[in-house]
Amino acid sequence: MFDAAHREVYGLHDPAIPMDDWHRIVVQHCHQVHRSFDDALGGPLPFSEVQSTASSIARWTRRNFISKSEYQAKRGRIGGIKSGEKRRQAREAQITEVFG
């Protein structure tokens, strides 16, 4: 059930959602995934196991994932540093070319 539930839940994460609400969303999603299990997949899991798995996913996601805006800001900083280095090198090359 973990494999089926956690990837979809990761895409739903939003740090702006309070932890209680986030936990409720993950629990509901895990129970929905669990309902799709049939005897071919080993049958349903105990209620407590679904709850524990959902709590684990909610805590791990909250601790390890960042918001989309933070992710984009991080990528922008990295890109800005790299482009700044290239501009600096190009400017130094022009100065060297002009002034020898």
C-alpha atoms as a PDB file:
ATOM      1  CA  MET A   1       0.000   0.000   0.000  1.00  0.00           C
ATOM      2  CA  PHE A   2       2.915   2.345   0.759  1.00  0.00           C
ATOM      3  CA  ASP A   3       4.255   2.085  -2.800  1.00  0.00           C
ATOM      4  CA  ALA A   4       0.855   2.836  -4.262  1.00  0.00           C
ATOM      5  CA  ALA A   5       0.129   5.792  -1.964  1.00  0.00           C
ATOM      6  CA  HIS A   6       3.309   7.726  -1.278  1.00  0.00           C
ATOM      7  CA  ARG A   7       4.181   8.896  -4.795  1.00  0.00           C
ATOM      8  CA  GLU A   8       0.754  10.438  -5.340  1.00  0.00           C
ATOM      9  CA  VAL A   9       0.792  12.088  -1.920  1.00  0.00           C
ATOM     10  CA  TYR A  10       4.184  13.708  -2.560  1.00  0.00           C
ATOM     11  CA  GLY A  11       2.639  15.680  -5.425  1.00  0.00           C
ATOM     12  CA  LEU A  12      -0.106  17.004  -3.149  1.00  0.00           C
ATOM     13  CA  HIS A  13       2.249  18.455  -0.540  1.00  0.00           C
ATOM     14  CA  ASP A  14       1.869  22.137   0.292  1.00  0.00           C
ATOM     15  CA  PRO A  15       3.723  23.489   3.351  1.00  0.00           C
ATOM     16  CA  ALA A  16       1.045  26.167   3.770  1.00  0.00           C
ATOM     17  CA  ILE A  17      -1.460  23.492   4.839  1.00  0.00           C
ATOM     18  CA  PRO A  18      -1.498  23.029   8.642  1.00  0.00           C
ATOM     19  CA  MET A  19      -0.070  19.688   9.785  1.00  0.00           C
ATOM     20  CA  ASP A  20      -3.421  18.416  11.097  1.00  0.00           C
ATOM     21  CA  ASP A  21      -5.098  19.080   7.756  1.00  0.00           C
ATOM     22  CA  TRP A  22      -2.145  17.591   5.862  1.00  0.00           C
ATOM     23  CA  HIS A  23      -2.299  14.452   8.013  1.00  0.00           C
ATOM     24  CA  ARG A  24      -6.046  14.150   7.362  1.00  0.00           C
ATOM     25  CA  ILE A  25      -5.480  14.436   3.577  1.00  0.00           C
ATOM     26  CA  VAL A  26      -2.822  11.715   3.631  1.00  0.00           C
ATOM     27  CA  VAL A  27      -4.948   9.391   5.794  1.00  0.00           C
ATOM     28  CA  GLN A  28      -7.925   9.793   3.458  1.00  0.00           C
ATOM     29  CA  HIS A  29      -5.754   9.108   0.429  1.00  0.00           C
ATOM     30  CA  CYS A  30      -4.204   6.003   2.012  1.00  0.00           C
ATOM     31  CA  HIS A  31      -7.619   4.604   2.913  1.00  0.00           C
ATOM     32  CA  GLN A  32      -8.798   5.264  -0.642  1.00  0.00           C
ATOM     33  CA  VAL A  33      -5.790   3.377  -2.040  1.00  0.00           C
ATOM     34  CA  HIS A  34      -6.350   0.619   0.510  1.00  0.00           C
ATOM     35  CA  ARG A  35      -9.964   0.138  -0.634  1.00  0.00           C
ATOM     36  CA  SER A  36      -8.648  -0.718  -4.096  1.00  0.00           C
ATOM     37  CA  PHE A  37      -6.769  -3.742  -2.720  1.00  0.00           C
ATOM     38  CA  ASP A  38      -8.311  -7.095  -3.466  1.00  0.00           C
ATOM     39  CA  ASP A  39      -7.504 -10.703  -2.607  1.00  0.00           C
ATOM     40  CA  ALA A  40      -5.061 -10.912  -5.520  1.00  0.00           C
ATOM     41  CA  LEU A  41      -2.911  -8.292  -3.771  1.00  0.00           C
ATOM     42  CA  GLY A  42      -2.983 -10.087  -0.445  1.00  0.00           C
ATOM     43  CA  GLY A  43      -6.268  -8.726   0.818  1.00  0.00           C
ATOM     44  CA  PRO A  44      -6.950  -5.681   2.963  1.00  0.00           C
ATOM     45  CA  LEU A  45      -4.535  -4.525   5.652  1.00  0.00           C
ATOM     46  CA  PRO A  46      -5.558  -3.909   9.254  1.00  0.00           C
ATOM     47  CA  PHE A  47      -6.952  -0.426   9.933  1.00  0.00           C
ATOM     48  CA  SER A  48      -4.095   0.372  12.323  1.00  0.00           C
ATOM     49  CA  GLU A  49      -1.490  -0.456   9.684  1.00  0.00           C
ATOM     50  CA  VAL A  50      -3.111   1.899   7.166  1.00  0.00           C
ATOM     51  CA  GLN A  51      -3.225   4.640   9.829  1.00  0.00           C
ATOM     52  CA  SER A  52       0.428   4.096  10.782  1.00  0.00           C
ATOM     53  CA  THR A  53       1.564   4.130   7.163  1.00  0.00           C
ATOM     54  CA  ALA A  54      -0.387   7.326   6.494  1.00  0.00           C
ATOM     55  CA  SER A  55       1.093   9.024   9.568  1.00  0.00           C
ATOM     56  CA  SER A  56       4.583   8.010   8.515  1.00  0.00           C
ATOM     57  CA  ILE A  57       4.089   9.365   4.985  1.00  0.00           C
ATOM     58  CA  ALA A  58       2.644  12.643   6.321  1.00  0.00           C
ATOM     59  CA  ARG A  59       5.516  13.217   8.764  1.00  0.00           C
ATOM     60  CA  TRP A  60       8.246  12.285   6.263  1.00  0.00           C
ATOM     61  CA  THR A  61       6.771  14.469   3.542  1.00  0.00           C
ATOM     62  CA  ARG A  62       6.396  17.476   5.851  1.00  0.00           C
ATOM     63  CA  ARG A  63       9.969  17.089   7.089  1.00  0.00           C
ATOM     64  CA  ASN A  64      11.681  16.472   3.717  1.00  0.00           C
ATOM     65  CA  PHE A  65       9.745  18.350   1.044  1.00  0.00           C
ATOM     66  CA  ILE A  66       9.835  22.068   0.346  1.00  0.00           C
ATOM     67  CA  SER A  67       7.259  24.209  -1.419  1.00  0.00           C
ATOM     68  CA  LYS A  68       7.374  24.802  -5.160  1.00  0.00           C
ATOM     69  CA  SER A  69       8.268  28.467  -4.666  1.00  0.00           C
ATOM     70  CA  GLU A  70      11.188  27.558  -2.378  1.00  0.00           C
ATOM     71  CA  TYR A  71      12.347  24.992  -4.938  1.00  0.00           C
ATOM     72  CA  GLN A  72      12.226  27.564  -7.748  1.00  0.00           C
ATOM     73  CA  ALA A  73      14.044  30.133  -5.597  1.00  0.00           C
ATOM     74  CA  LYS A  74      16.770  27.608  -4.869  1.00  0.00           C
ATOM     75  CA  ARG A  75      17.136  26.798  -8.568  1.00  0.00           C
ATOM     76  CA  GLY A  76      17.190  30.524  -9.402  1.00  0.00           C
ATOM     77  CA  ARG A  77      19.999  31.170  -6.920  1.00  0.00           C
ATOM     78  CA  ILE A  78      22.076  28.368  -8.441  1.00  0.00           C
ATOM     79  CA  GLY A  79      21.440  29.681 -11.965  1.00  0.00           C
ATOM     80  CA  GLY A  80      22.259  33.240 -10.918  1.00  0.00           C
ATOM     81  CA  ILE A  81      25.583  32.181  -9.453  1.00  0.00           C
ATOM     82  CA  LYS A  82      26.520  30.229 -12.582  1.00  0.00           C
ATOM     83  CA  SER A  83      25.508  32.999 -14.994  1.00  0.00           C
ATOM     84  CA  GLY A  84      27.276  35.581 -12.827  1.00  0.00           C
ATOM     85  CA  GLU A  85      30.502  33.595 -13.067  1.00  0.00           C
ATOM     86  CA  LYS A  86      30.212  33.405 -16.852  1.00  0.00           C
ATOM     87  CA  ARG A  87      29.515  37.149 -17.144  1.00  0.00           C
ATOM     88  CA  ARG A  88      32.480  37.923 -14.906  1.00  0.00           C
ATOM     89  CA  GLN A  89      34.788  35.718 -17.005  1.00  0.00           C
ATOM     90  CA  ALA A  90      33.547  37.307 -20.249  1.00  0.00           C
ATOM     91  CA  ARG A  91      34.065  40.817 -18.845  1.00  0.00           C
ATOM     92  CA  GLU A  92      37.597  39.959 -17.679  1.00  0.00           C
ATOM     93  CA  ALA A  93      38.383  38.521 -21.124  1.00  0.00           C
ATOM     94  CA  GLN A  94      37.191  41.753 -22.778  1.00  0.00           C
ATOM     95  CA  ILE A  95      39.258  43.883 -20.405  1.00  0.00           C
ATOM     96  CA  THR A  96      42.326  41.751 -21.057  1.00  0.00           C
ATOM     97  CA  GLU A  97      41.738  41.990 -24.812  1.00  0.00           C
ATOM     98  CA  VAL A  98      41.403  45.778 -24.747  1.00  0.00           C
ATOM     99  CA  PHE A  99      44.116  46.646 -22.233  1.00  0.00           C
ATOM    100  CA  GLY A 100      46.417  43.699 -22.858  1.00  0.00           C
END
